[in-house]
Protein backbone atom coordinates (compact mmCIF):
# COMPACT_ATOMS: atom_id res chain seq x y z
CA MET A 1 6.22 -3.30 15.50
CA ARG A 2 4.03 -0.73 13.79
CA ILE A 3 6.29 1.85 12.17
CA ALA A 4 4.74 5.13 11.11
CA ARG A 5 6.10 8.27 9.53
CA TYR A 6 4.64 11.47 10.90
CA SER A 7 4.77 15.24 10.95
CA LEU A 8 4.57 17.43 14.06
CA ASN A 9 5.26 21.16 14.26
CA GLY A 10 6.92 21.11 10.86
CA GLU A 11 9.26 18.25 11.73
CA VAL A 12 9.07 14.84 10.04
CA GLY A 13 10.13 11.64 11.77
CA TYR A 14 9.44 7.97 12.30
CA GLY A 15 7.89 6.35 15.33
CA LEU A 16 6.44 3.18 16.83
CA VAL A 17 2.66 3.15 17.18
CA ASP A 18 1.08 1.60 20.27
CA GLY A 19 -2.23 1.54 22.10
CA LEU A 20 -4.53 0.80 19.18
CA THR A 21 -8.06 -0.45 19.68
CA ASP A 22 -9.07 -4.10 19.32
CA THR A 23 -9.96 -3.40 15.67
CA GLY A 24 -6.46 -2.07 14.96
CA ASP A 25 -7.62 1.53 14.63
CA PRO A 26 -6.36 4.56 16.58
CA GLY A 27 -8.10 5.29 19.88
CA PRO A 28 -7.84 7.87 22.66
CA ASP A 29 -4.89 6.04 24.25
CA SER A 30 -2.89 5.56 21.04
CA THR A 31 0.68 6.85 21.09
CA ILE A 32 3.69 7.12 18.82
CA ALA A 33 7.20 6.80 20.25
CA ALA A 34 9.82 8.64 18.20
CA ILE A 35 12.71 6.59 16.86
CA ASP A 36 16.22 7.71 16.10
CA GLY A 37 16.76 8.10 12.36
CA HIS A 38 15.36 5.76 9.74
CA PRO A 39 13.44 2.56 10.60
CA ILE A 40 15.46 0.35 8.27
CA GLY A 41 18.17 -1.21 10.40
CA VAL A 42 18.33 -1.18 14.19
CA VAL A 43 15.31 0.64 15.60
CA GLN A 44 15.95 2.67 18.74
CA THR A 45 13.42 4.94 20.43
CA THR A 46 14.48 8.38 21.64
CA GLY A 47 12.27 8.49 24.73
CA VAL A 48 9.93 11.07 23.20
CA VAL A 49 6.32 9.90 23.03
CA HIS A 50 3.41 11.77 21.41
CA ARG A 51 -0.31 11.22 21.42
CA LEU A 52 -1.13 9.76 18.03
CA ALA A 53 -4.00 12.24 17.75
CA ASP A 54 -1.51 15.12 17.94
CA VAL A 55 0.54 14.13 14.90
CA ARG A 56 -0.24 13.92 11.19
CA LEU A 57 0.49 10.53 9.70
CA LEU A 58 2.33 10.54 6.38
CA ALA A 59 3.03 7.79 3.86
CA PRO A 60 5.03 5.33 5.98
CA ILE A 61 7.89 5.04 3.48
CA LEU A 62 9.26 6.94 0.48
CA PRO A 63 10.61 4.25 -1.87
CA SER A 64 12.87 4.58 -4.86
CA LYS A 65 10.22 2.64 -6.81
CA VAL A 66 6.86 0.95 -6.49
CA VAL A 67 6.63 -2.37 -8.33
CA ALA A 68 3.01 -3.40 -8.82
CA VAL A 69 1.59 -6.76 -9.88
CA GLY A 70 -1.44 -7.07 -12.12
CA ARG A 71 -4.02 -9.87 -12.32
CA ASN A 72 -2.69 -11.67 -9.27
CA TYR A 73 -6.15 -12.69 -8.03
CA ALA A 74 -8.02 -15.01 -10.39
CA ASP A 75 -11.41 -13.46 -9.61
CA HIS A 76 -10.15 -9.97 -10.42
CA ALA A 77 -8.56 -11.16 -13.67
CA ALA A 78 -11.92 -12.68 -14.62
CA GLU A 79 -13.91 -9.52 -13.79
CA MET A 80 -11.54 -7.52 -16.01
CA GLY A 81 -12.11 -9.93 -18.89
CA GLY A 82 -8.63 -11.44 -18.82
CA GLU A 83 -6.83 -14.54 -17.69
CA VAL A 84 -4.19 -15.04 -15.05
CA PRO A 85 -0.82 -14.59 -16.79
CA PRO A 86 1.64 -17.51 -16.70
CA GLU A 87 4.19 -15.32 -14.87
CA PRO A 88 3.73 -12.27 -12.65
CA LEU A 89 2.65 -9.23 -14.67
CA ILE A 90 4.56 -6.27 -13.26
CA PHE A 91 4.55 -2.53 -13.86
CA LEU A 92 5.97 0.52 -12.10
CA LYS A 93 4.23 3.37 -10.32
CA PRO A 94 6.32 6.53 -9.82
CA SER A 95 7.32 7.59 -6.34
CA THR A 96 5.50 10.87 -7.00
CA SER A 97 2.18 8.97 -6.97
CA ILE A 98 2.55 8.20 -3.25
CA ILE A 99 0.37 9.87 -0.62
CA GLY A 100 -0.38 9.00 2.98
CA PRO A 101 -3.46 8.45 5.15
CA ASP A 102 -6.23 11.04 4.79
CA GLU A 103 -4.45 12.81 1.94
CA PRO A 104 -6.70 13.41 -1.06
CA ILE A 105 -6.75 11.35 -4.23
CA VAL A 106 -6.93 13.97 -6.99
CA TYR A 107 -9.24 13.06 -9.86
CA PRO A 108 -7.41 13.91 -13.12
CA SER A 109 -9.27 16.08 -15.61
CA VAL A 110 -8.35 13.78 -18.51
CA SER A 111 -10.16 10.75 -17.07
CA ASN A 112 -13.83 9.93 -16.58
CA GLU A 113 -13.40 6.55 -14.89
CA VAL A 114 -11.08 6.28 -11.90
CA SER A 115 -11.11 3.06 -9.85
CA TYR A 116 -9.88 1.93 -6.43
CA GLU A 117 -7.84 -1.28 -5.94
CA ALA A 118 -7.18 -2.52 -2.39
CA GLU A 119 -3.78 -4.19 -2.15
CA LEU A 120 -1.35 -5.64 0.37
CA ALA A 121 1.98 -3.80 0.03
CA ILE A 122 5.36 -5.36 0.81
CA VAL A 123 8.08 -3.04 2.09
CA ILE A 124 11.63 -4.22 1.36
CA GLY A 125 14.10 -3.97 4.23
CA ARG A 126 17.48 -4.55 2.61
CA LEU A 127 19.24 -4.29 -0.72
CA CYS A 128 18.70 -7.56 -2.55
CA ARG A 129 18.91 -9.28 -5.89
CA ASP A 130 18.18 -12.85 -7.08
CA VAL A 131 16.54 -13.78 -3.78
CA PRO A 132 15.61 -17.47 -3.43
CA ILE A 133 11.96 -18.04 -2.51
CA ASP A 134 12.88 -19.66 0.79
CA ARG A 135 14.90 -16.58 1.80
CA ALA A 136 12.38 -13.93 0.74
CA ALA A 137 11.12 -13.31 4.28
CA GLY A 138 14.60 -12.21 5.27
CA VAL A 139 14.57 -9.18 2.94
CA ILE A 140 11.12 -7.91 3.97
CA LEU A 141 10.79 -5.08 6.48
CA GLY A 142 7.02 -5.39 6.77
CA PHE A 143 3.63 -4.77 5.20
CA THR A 144 1.19 -1.91 4.77
CA CYS A 145 -2.09 -1.10 3.01
CA ALA A 146 -2.12 0.31 -0.50
CA ASN A 147 -4.61 1.58 -3.05
CA ASP A 148 -3.53 1.10 -6.67
CA VAL A 149 -5.70 3.91 -8.01
CA THR A 150 -6.26 3.52 -11.76
CA ALA A 151 -7.73 5.66 -14.53
CA ARG A 152 -9.52 2.71 -16.08
CA ASP A 153 -10.53 4.47 -19.31
CA LEU A 154 -6.92 5.50 -20.00
CA GLN A 155 -5.72 1.99 -19.19
CA ARG A 156 -7.97 0.69 -21.97
CA THR A 157 -7.14 3.31 -24.57
CA ASP A 158 -3.37 3.60 -23.97
CA GLY A 159 -2.63 -0.10 -24.38
CA GLN A 160 -0.18 0.10 -21.47
CA TRP A 161 -0.60 1.20 -17.89
CA THR A 162 1.94 3.91 -17.09
CA ARG A 163 -0.32 6.95 -17.45
CA ALA A 164 -3.41 5.23 -16.03
CA LYS A 165 -1.65 4.27 -12.82
CA GLY A 166 1.01 6.96 -12.55
CA PHE A 167 -0.85 10.18 -11.77
CA ASP A 168 0.14 12.11 -8.67
CA THR A 169 -1.81 10.80 -5.63
CA PHE A 170 -2.55 7.43 -7.31
CA CYS A 171 -0.65 5.36 -4.72
CA PRO A 172 -1.98 5.89 -1.19
CA LEU A 173 0.06 3.95 1.40
CA GLY A 174 -0.43 3.49 5.14
CA PRO A 175 -1.31 3.97 7.83
CA TRP A 176 1.89 2.28 9.07
CA ILE A 177 4.23 -0.66 8.39
CA VAL A 178 3.66 -3.82 10.41
CA THR A 179 6.89 -5.79 10.76
CA GLU A 180 5.70 -9.01 12.40
CA LEU A 181 2.88 -10.32 10.25
CA ASP A 182 2.18 -13.56 8.41
CA PRO A 183 0.85 -12.41 5.01
CA SER A 184 -0.34 -15.82 3.84
CA ASP A 185 -4.03 -15.55 4.76
CA LEU A 186 -5.21 -12.05 5.69
CA ALA A 187 -8.62 -10.54 5.06
CA ILE A 188 -8.33 -7.66 2.58
CA GLY A 189 -11.06 -5.36 1.37
CA SER A 190 -12.23 -1.89 0.46
CA ARG A 191 -15.12 0.40 1.25
CA VAL A 192 -16.42 3.48 -0.54
CA ASP A 193 -18.41 5.84 1.68
CA GLY A 194 -18.74 3.00 4.16
CA GLN A 195 -20.13 0.50 1.65
CA VAL A 196 -18.13 -2.72 1.23
CA ARG A 197 -16.83 -3.10 -2.32
CA GLN A 198 -14.08 -5.74 -2.01
CA ALA A 199 -13.73 -8.65 0.39
CA GLY A 200 -10.98 -11.18 -0.28
CA ARG A 201 -8.10 -12.96 1.39
CA THR A 202 -4.40 -12.95 0.61
CA SER A 203 -4.54 -16.76 0.47
CA GLN A 204 -6.21 -16.19 -2.93
CA LEU A 205 -3.06 -14.64 -4.38
CA VAL A 206 -1.98 -16.51 -7.51
CA ASN A 207 1.65 -15.64 -6.77
CA ASN A 208 2.23 -15.37 -3.03
CA VAL A 209 4.50 -12.94 -1.21
CA PRO A 210 7.72 -15.04 -1.22
CA LYS A 211 7.33 -15.85 -4.91
CA LEU A 212 6.73 -12.21 -5.84
CA VAL A 213 9.76 -10.96 -3.92
CA SER A 214 11.95 -13.65 -5.46
CA TRP A 215 10.63 -13.22 -9.01
CA ILE A 216 10.87 -9.43 -9.02
CA SER A 217 14.36 -9.50 -7.46
CA HIS A 218 15.48 -11.63 -10.39
CA VAL A 219 14.34 -8.81 -12.70
CA MET A 220 15.66 -5.77 -10.82
CA THR A 221 17.63 -4.93 -7.72
CA LEU A 222 15.36 -4.02 -4.83
CA LEU A 223 16.51 -1.25 -2.51
CA PRO A 224 15.64 -0.73 1.16
CA GLY A 225 12.22 0.91 1.35
CA ASP A 226 11.05 -0.23 -2.09
CA VAL A 227 7.40 -1.25 -2.22
CA ILE A 228 5.74 -4.16 -4.00
CA LEU A 229 1.97 -4.05 -4.55
CA THR A 230 0.68 -7.61 -4.66
CA GLY A 231 -2.54 -7.26 -6.66
CA THR A 232 -6.22 -6.69 -5.89
CA PRO A 233 -9.16 -9.04 -5.35
CA ALA A 234 -12.46 -8.82 -7.25
CA GLY A 235 -14.85 -5.95 -6.69
CA VAL A 236 -12.99 -2.99 -8.15
CA GLY A 237 -15.12 -0.14 -9.34
CA PRO A 238 -15.34 3.59 -9.95
CA ILE A 239 -14.91 6.43 -7.50
CA VAL A 240 -16.06 10.01 -7.92
CA VAL A 241 -15.20 13.34 -6.37
CA GLY A 242 -16.57 13.47 -2.84
CA ASN A 243 -16.11 9.77 -2.09
CA VAL A 244 -14.01 8.48 0.79
CA VAL A 245 -12.15 5.26 -0.04
CA GLU A 246 -10.95 2.87 2.66
CA VAL A 247 -8.57 -0.08 2.31
CA GLN A 248 -8.58 -2.43 5.27
CA ILE A 249 -6.24 -5.37 5.83
CA GLU A 250 -6.37 -7.74 8.77
CA GLY A 251 -3.48 -7.22 11.16
CA ILE A 252 -2.53 -3.85 9.66
CA GLY A 253 -5.42 -1.41 9.87
CA THR A 254 -7.33 1.00 7.67
CA LEU A 255 -6.09 3.44 5.01
CA ARG A 256 -8.57 6.24 4.27
CA ASN A 257 -8.42 8.81 1.47
CA PRO A 258 -10.98 11.31 0.19
CA VAL A 259 -11.41 11.95 -3.53
CA VAL A 260 -11.20 15.56 -4.70
CA THR A 261 -11.03 17.54 -7.91
CA ARG A 262 -7.85 19.37 -8.80
CA GLY A 263 -7.98 22.87 -7.38
């Protein structure tokens, strides 16, 4: 299933996306079938179907927290001048940093160096704690695309990452959650104004999806809808006002966001 959250005529709901093109992008025949209530649990459609072009896609989930993982690709750790940590390096992004497809990333006035980071995002499907690695798949609802936007200059000067990664609009998610997907070896990349900037595979993750879910759940309780960002491959770089950033992951689709100045 592809689960999306959408707005139509002032109403917000969830639906199942169908009729995508061979590349996994929306086409003229794409639809979204409304579901009853929240997608976590038993999913039942209501019988109401909309053209996907007629709705506005929103961030596919609103989690209680976003747990992000740093330096989880060896090539990215190297390009940032660091080493892969012996255990997962985690930090939190506030829920207020989340935006959806086509919503603008707002460039903060206090930064002069904002970067994109294409990431596979895990969406948790049930309350869990102390999950064994071999049971991690059972607590996952699905996967979506994410952009761990970072004020790189503030990350360097602050000595910790909360401000650099916590600005409003610094966590684009979308375009939908894919529930039946093997995350072990997916192509993942980013483009800026159509130019390829990152091209990696999730098989390059230092700590894979089951290990991350298990390790993080031994630190904190994960709630339904919580999101885990799994890290970014090499190729990160700056974005400026006027750019359009795309994150594309095999089997999921493309997340696009323009970059704007604060109005």
